[in-house]
Amino acid sequence: MTSNHPSEPADKGSPLGFQSHDHDRCVASALAAAEARCADVGLRFTPVRRKVLELLLQEHRALGAYALLDLLKDAGFGSQPPVAYRALDFLTENGFVHKIERLNAFVACSHPGESHSPAFMICRLCDSVAEAQSAPAKGVLGDAAKAAGFQIEKTVVEAEGVCPTCIDKTDA
């Protein structure tokens, strides 16, 4: 997950979060993309917002607001809860971060700037999170919604299990 050995990038339909990759490049390119997107659409990408996104990108796991607040404090930013919550609200509203409802925590988006319906695989042992694409209007849920005359606008799909790294540790 956090290997510094480059590997082939996952294809667009593959879950992102558990595969090995050049982690430093991953973080740097995601931050650069966020900065560029904010500049393009006139959003203020403040130092606190940037740092929160950077912290989430570095972790590749879900972090709660108070864990982020502790990390922000260690980095020299404010230590009052509104500091973290305002940054998280901005990052979530603009598609840079997703809220993991099951954990009441946040994770960096693997596809920022793209319209998508994410599904999350959450490791119950280490809280690492992989993001995959879902199609809420298709499949059983889509069929049920269609039969009820219901139009799906948003879904939250979260699956809990064990990630490849933790499986390897338990097999050893």
C-alpha atoms as a PDB file:
ATOM      1  CA  MET A   1       0.000   0.000   0.000  1.00  0.00           C
ATOM      2  CA  THR A   2       2.674   2.528   0.831  1.00  0.00           C
ATOM      3  CA  SER A   3       5.536   1.032  -1.102  1.00  0.00           C
ATOM      4  CA  ASN A   4       7.891   3.386  -2.874  1.00  0.00           C
ATOM      5  CA  HIS A   5       8.332   0.897  -5.699  1.00  0.00           C
ATOM      6  CA  PRO A   6       6.550   2.025  -8.838  1.00  0.00           C
ATOM      7  CA  SER A   7       4.083  -0.388 -10.328  1.00  0.00           C
ATOM      8  CA  GLU A   8       1.726  -0.242 -13.242  1.00  0.00           C
ATOM      9  CA  PRO A   9      -1.184   2.056 -12.493  1.00  0.00           C
ATOM     10  CA  ALA A  10      -4.498   0.366 -11.933  1.00  0.00           C
ATOM     11  CA  ASP A  11      -6.994   0.696 -14.745  1.00  0.00           C
ATOM     12  CA  LYS A  12      -9.865   3.098 -14.237  1.00  0.00           C
ATOM     13  CA  GLY A  13     -12.259   0.378 -13.053  1.00  0.00           C
ATOM     14  CA  SER A  14      -9.871  -1.178 -10.560  1.00  0.00           C
ATOM     15  CA  PRO A  15     -10.171  -0.362  -6.862  1.00  0.00           C
ATOM     16  CA  LEU A  16      -7.539   2.109  -5.723  1.00  0.00           C
ATOM     17  CA  GLY A  17      -5.963   1.901  -2.297  1.00  0.00           C
ATOM     18  CA  PHE A  18      -4.515  -1.553  -1.707  1.00  0.00           C
ATOM     19  CA  GLN A  19      -2.053  -1.915  -4.597  1.00  0.00           C
ATOM     20  CA  SER A  20       1.641  -1.026  -4.394  1.00  0.00           C
ATOM     21  CA  HIS A  21       2.636   2.232  -6.023  1.00  0.00           C
ATOM     22  CA  ASP A  22       5.085   5.115  -5.884  1.00  0.00           C
ATOM     23  CA  HIS A  23       3.512   6.730  -2.836  1.00  0.00           C
ATOM     24  CA  ASP A  24       5.510   9.982  -2.924  1.00  0.00           C
ATOM     25  CA  ARG A  25       4.544  10.518  -6.560  1.00  0.00           C
ATOM     26  CA  CYS A  26       0.936   9.619  -5.748  1.00  0.00           C
ATOM     27  CA  VAL A  27       0.721  12.295  -3.035  1.00  0.00           C
ATOM     28  CA  ALA A  28       2.553  14.945  -5.083  1.00  0.00           C
ATOM     29  CA  SER A  29       0.435  14.428  -8.207  1.00  0.00           C
ATOM     30  CA  ALA A  30      -2.836  14.441  -6.246  1.00  0.00           C
ATOM     31  CA  LEU A  31      -1.890  17.686  -4.487  1.00  0.00           C
ATOM     32  CA  ALA A  32      -0.848  19.272  -7.788  1.00  0.00           C
ATOM     33  CA  ALA A  33      -4.153  18.206  -9.360  1.00  0.00           C
ATOM     34  CA  ALA A  34      -6.112  19.683  -6.433  1.00  0.00           C
ATOM     35  CA  GLU A  35      -4.180  22.953  -6.668  1.00  0.00           C
ATOM     36  CA  ALA A  36      -4.782  23.132 -10.418  1.00  0.00           C
ATOM     37  CA  ARG A  37      -8.486  22.376 -10.087  1.00  0.00           C
ATOM     38  CA  CYS A  38      -8.932  24.999  -7.379  1.00  0.00           C
ATOM     39  CA  ALA A  39      -7.123  27.565  -9.534  1.00  0.00           C
ATOM     40  CA  ASP A  40      -9.227  26.652 -12.588  1.00  0.00           C
ATOM     41  CA  VAL A  41     -12.558  27.093 -10.818  1.00  0.00           C
ATOM     42  CA  GLY A  42     -11.562  29.904  -8.465  1.00  0.00           C
ATOM     43  CA  LEU A  43     -11.527  28.008  -5.169  1.00  0.00           C
ATOM     44  CA  ARG A  44      -9.223  29.010  -2.315  1.00  0.00           C
ATOM     45  CA  PHE A  45      -6.879  26.122  -1.556  1.00  0.00           C
ATOM     46  CA  THR A  46      -5.658  27.440   1.781  1.00  0.00           C
ATOM     47  CA  PRO A  47      -2.637  26.015   3.610  1.00  0.00           C
ATOM     48  CA  VAL A  48      -4.914  24.218   6.100  1.00  0.00           C
ATOM     49  CA  ARG A  49      -7.039  22.669   3.336  1.00  0.00           C
ATOM     50  CA  ARG A  50      -3.892  21.599   1.496  1.00  0.00           C
ATOM     51  CA  LYS A  51      -2.408  20.067   4.656  1.00  0.00           C
ATOM     52  CA  VAL A  52      -5.588  18.114   5.467  1.00  0.00           C
ATOM     53  CA  LEU A  53      -5.666  16.701   1.947  1.00  0.00           C
ATOM     54  CA  GLU A  54      -1.957  15.893   2.142  1.00  0.00           C
ATOM     55  CA  LEU A  55      -2.433  14.068   5.463  1.00  0.00           C
ATOM     56  CA  LEU A  56      -5.270  11.986   4.034  1.00  0.00           C
ATOM     57  CA  LEU A  57      -3.268  11.199   0.900  1.00  0.00           C
ATOM     58  CA  GLN A  58      -0.265  10.129   2.970  1.00  0.00           C
ATOM     59  CA  GLU A  59      -2.318   7.730   5.062  1.00  0.00           C
ATOM     60  CA  HIS A  60      -4.388   5.856   2.444  1.00  0.00           C
ATOM     61  CA  ARG A  61      -6.740   5.060   5.291  1.00  0.00           C
ATOM     62  CA  ALA A  62      -9.680   6.758   6.883  1.00  0.00           C
ATOM     63  CA  LEU A  63      -8.934   9.384   9.515  1.00  0.00           C
ATOM     64  CA  GLY A  64     -11.412  11.009  11.856  1.00  0.00           C
ATOM     65  CA  ALA A  65     -11.590  14.757  12.352  1.00  0.00           C
ATOM     66  CA  TYR A  66      -9.918  14.618  15.759  1.00  0.00           C
ATOM     67  CA  ALA A  67      -7.035  12.478  14.471  1.00  0.00           C
ATOM     68  CA  LEU A  68      -6.580  15.030  11.697  1.00  0.00           C
ATOM     69  CA  LEU A  69      -6.756  17.837  14.232  1.00  0.00           C
ATOM     70  CA  ASP A  70      -3.905  16.234  16.217  1.00  0.00           C
ATOM     71  CA  LEU A  71      -1.839  15.922  13.032  1.00  0.00           C
ATOM     72  CA  LEU A  72      -2.602  19.536  12.115  1.00  0.00           C
ATOM     73  CA  LYS A  73      -1.541  20.657  15.580  1.00  0.00           C
ATOM     74  CA  ASP A  74       1.734  18.719  15.191  1.00  0.00           C
ATOM     75  CA  ALA A  75       2.258  20.494  11.856  1.00  0.00           C
ATOM     76  CA  GLY A  76       1.818  23.919  13.456  1.00  0.00           C
ATOM     77  CA  PHE A  77      -1.783  24.651  12.498  1.00  0.00           C
ATOM     78  CA  GLY A  78      -4.662  25.537  14.819  1.00  0.00           C
ATOM     79  CA  SER A  79      -5.914  23.009  17.315  1.00  0.00           C
ATOM     80  CA  GLN A  80      -9.586  24.006  17.516  1.00  0.00           C
ATOM     81  CA  PRO A  81     -12.106  21.550  15.983  1.00  0.00           C
ATOM     82  CA  PRO A  82     -13.557  24.116  13.530  1.00  0.00           C
ATOM     83  CA  VAL A  83     -10.156  24.256  11.797  1.00  0.00           C
ATOM     84  CA  ALA A  84     -10.359  20.597  10.777  1.00  0.00           C
ATOM     85  CA  TYR A  85     -14.109  20.570  10.147  1.00  0.00           C
ATOM     86  CA  ARG A  86     -14.038  23.611   7.851  1.00  0.00           C
ATOM     87  CA  ALA A  87     -11.205  22.108   5.805  1.00  0.00           C
ATOM     88  CA  LEU A  88     -13.000  18.740   5.615  1.00  0.00           C
ATOM     89  CA  ASP A  89     -16.268  20.418   4.574  1.00  0.00           C
ATOM     90  CA  PHE A  90     -14.484  22.265   1.761  1.00  0.00           C
ATOM     91  CA  LEU A  91     -12.608  19.151   0.591  1.00  0.00           C
ATOM     92  CA  THR A  92     -15.760  16.994   0.709  1.00  0.00           C
ATOM     93  CA  GLU A  93     -17.986  19.550  -1.033  1.00  0.00           C
ATOM     94  CA  ASN A  94     -15.455  19.895  -3.844  1.00  0.00           C
ATOM     95  CA  GLY A  95     -14.862  16.176  -4.385  1.00  0.00           C
ATOM     96  CA  PHE A  96     -11.323  15.893  -3.010  1.00  0.00           C
ATOM     97  CA  VAL A  97     -12.355  13.812   0.010  1.00  0.00           C
ATOM     98  CA  HIS A  98     -15.079  11.289   0.850  1.00  0.00           C
ATOM     99  CA  LYS A  99     -16.685  10.631   4.209  1.00  0.00           C
ATOM    100  CA  ILE A 100     -16.647   6.997   5.290  1.00  0.00           C
ATOM    101  CA  GLU A 101     -19.928   6.778   7.186  1.00  0.00           C
ATOM    102  CA  ARG A 102     -19.134   3.464   8.879  1.00  0.00           C
ATOM    103  CA  LEU A 103     -16.041   4.952  10.538  1.00  0.00           C
ATOM    104  CA  ASN A 104     -17.202   8.582  10.794  1.00  0.00           C
ATOM    105  CA  ALA A 105     -13.898   9.365   9.104  1.00  0.00           C
ATOM    106  CA  PHE A 106     -12.532  10.735   5.854  1.00  0.00           C
ATOM    107  CA  VAL A 107     -10.401   9.447   2.990  1.00  0.00           C
ATOM    108  CA  ALA A 108      -8.864  11.202  -0.006  1.00  0.00           C
ATOM    109  CA  CYS A 109     -10.789  10.672  -3.239  1.00  0.00           C
ATOM    110  CA  SER A 110      -9.061   8.476  -5.809  1.00  0.00           C
ATOM    111  CA  HIS A 111     -10.823  10.239  -8.691  1.00  0.00           C
ATOM    112  CA  PRO A 112     -11.060  13.930  -7.740  1.00  0.00           C
ATOM    113  CA  GLY A 113     -12.791  16.141 -10.228  1.00  0.00           C
ATOM    114  CA  GLU A 114     -14.621  13.236 -11.852  1.00  0.00           C
ATOM    115  CA  SER A 115     -18.317  12.604 -11.447  1.00  0.00           C
ATOM    116  CA  HIS A 116     -18.540   9.148  -9.924  1.00  0.00           C
ATOM    117  CA  SER A 117     -20.296   6.979  -7.366  1.00  0.00           C
ATOM    118  CA  PRO A 118     -17.631   5.511  -5.132  1.00  0.00           C
ATOM    119  CA  ALA A 119     -17.814   2.271  -3.216  1.00  0.00           C
ATOM    120  CA  PHE A 120     -15.398   1.651  -0.376  1.00  0.00           C
ATOM    121  CA  MET A 121     -13.686  -1.469   0.866  1.00  0.00           C
ATOM    122  CA  ILE A 122     -12.615  -0.916   4.461  1.00  0.00           C
ATOM    123  CA  CYS A 123     -10.114  -3.149   6.245  1.00  0.00           C
ATOM    124  CA  ARG A 124     -11.468  -3.884   9.702  1.00  0.00           C
ATOM    125  CA  LEU A 125      -7.951  -4.526  11.002  1.00  0.00           C
ATOM    126  CA  CYS A 126      -5.980  -1.466   9.812  1.00  0.00           C
ATOM    127  CA  ASP A 127      -8.710   0.930   8.562  1.00  0.00           C
ATOM    128  CA  SER A 128      -7.090   1.172   5.121  1.00  0.00           C
ATOM    129  CA  VAL A 129      -9.630   2.032   2.453  1.00  0.00           C
ATOM    130  CA  ALA A 130      -9.776   1.231  -1.245  1.00  0.00           C
ATOM    131  CA  GLU A 131     -12.092   3.159  -3.512  1.00  0.00           C
ATOM    132  CA  ALA A 132     -13.877   1.419  -6.371  1.00  0.00           C
ATOM    133  CA  GLN A 133     -16.534   2.592  -8.802  1.00  0.00           C
ATOM    134  CA  SER A 134     -20.158   1.656  -8.234  1.00  0.00           C
ATOM    135  CA  ALA A 135     -23.213   1.983 -10.408  1.00  0.00           C
ATOM    136  CA  PRO A 136     -26.107   2.717  -8.028  1.00  0.00           C
ATOM    137  CA  ALA A 137     -28.731   2.897 -10.771  1.00  0.00           C
ATOM    138  CA  LYS A 138     -27.841  -0.589 -12.018  1.00  0.00           C
ATOM    139  CA  GLY A 139     -28.135  -4.007 -10.444  1.00  0.00           C
ATOM    140  CA  VAL A 140     -30.567  -5.050  -7.721  1.00  0.00           C
ATOM    141  CA  LEU A 141     -30.766  -1.621  -6.080  1.00  0.00           C
ATOM    142  CA  GLY A 142     -31.342   0.087  -9.412  1.00  0.00           C
ATOM    143  CA  ASP A 143     -34.047  -2.424 -10.316  1.00  0.00           C
ATOM    144  CA  ALA A 144     -35.807  -1.913  -6.967  1.00  0.00           C
ATOM    145  CA  ALA A 145     -35.627   1.866  -7.330  1.00  0.00           C
ATOM    146  CA  LYS A 146     -36.993   1.711 -10.854  1.00  0.00           C
ATOM    147  CA  ALA A 147     -39.877  -0.549  -9.749  1.00  0.00           C
ATOM    148  CA  ALA A 148     -40.718   1.901  -6.954  1.00  0.00           C
ATOM    149  CA  GLY A 149     -40.498   4.925  -9.250  1.00  0.00           C
ATOM    150  CA  PHE A 150     -37.565   6.176  -7.199  1.00  0.00           C
ATOM    151  CA  GLN A 151     -34.667   8.087  -8.730  1.00  0.00           C
ATOM    152  CA  ILE A 152     -31.347   7.389  -7.008  1.00  0.00           C
ATOM    153  CA  GLU A 153     -29.258  10.520  -6.570  1.00  0.00           C
ATOM    154  CA  LYS A 154     -26.617   9.323  -4.143  1.00  0.00           C
ATOM    155  CA  THR A 155     -25.575   6.091  -2.502  1.00  0.00           C
ATOM    156  CA  VAL A 156     -23.002   5.176   0.101  1.00  0.00           C
ATOM    157  CA  VAL A 157     -21.531   1.742  -0.493  1.00  0.00           C
ATOM    158  CA  GLU A 158     -19.133   0.507   2.169  1.00  0.00           C
ATOM    159  CA  ALA A 159     -17.888  -3.055   2.495  1.00  0.00           C
ATOM    160  CA  GLU A 160     -15.937  -4.197   5.540  1.00  0.00           C
ATOM    161  CA  GLY A 161     -13.359  -6.965   5.339  1.00  0.00           C
ATOM    162  CA  VAL A 162      -9.628  -7.607   5.435  1.00  0.00           C
ATOM    163  CA  CYS A 163      -7.120  -5.999   3.056  1.00  0.00           C
ATOM    164  CA  PRO A 164      -4.374  -7.976   1.246  1.00  0.00           C
ATOM    165  CA  THR A 165      -1.649  -6.694   3.598  1.00  0.00           C
ATOM    166  CA  CYS A 166      -3.503  -7.818   6.712  1.00  0.00           C
ATOM    167  CA  ILE A 167      -4.398 -11.148   5.126  1.00  0.00           C
ATOM    168  CA  ASP A 168      -0.687 -11.705   4.386  1.00  0.00           C
ATOM    169  CA  LYS A 169       0.192 -10.857   8.019  1.00  0.00           C
ATOM    170  CA  THR A 170      -2.350 -13.321   9.396  1.00  0.00           C
ATOM    171  CA  ASP A 171      -1.148 -16.079   7.043  1.00  0.00           C
ATOM    172  CA  ALA A 172       2.473 -15.664   8.170  1.00  0.00           C
END
